[in-house]
Amino acid sequence: MEKDWVKIYTSANYYQSEIVKQVLTEHQIASVLINRQDSSHRAFGNIEVYIHQEDFSQAIELIILNSNA
């Protein structure tokens, strides 16, 4: 992964991470999902969402606003 990417969200559920990624994309924030789950047993590991460091403040606000809805 390139420099200046930071983890913004982590979940054991792929769909929750995908929703966060889509919300960020709708607001023109580039994001990447990293699947760190075990390939044979989905109970171990997480799905992580990464963004560029300069988008961190805006992304946090979007995640908080959307989690309260």
Foldseek 3Di string as FASTA:
>chain_A
DDPQKDWQDKDLDPVVLVVLCVLCVVVVWHKDWDFPADPVDSVDGIITIITGNVCRVVSNVSVVVVVVD
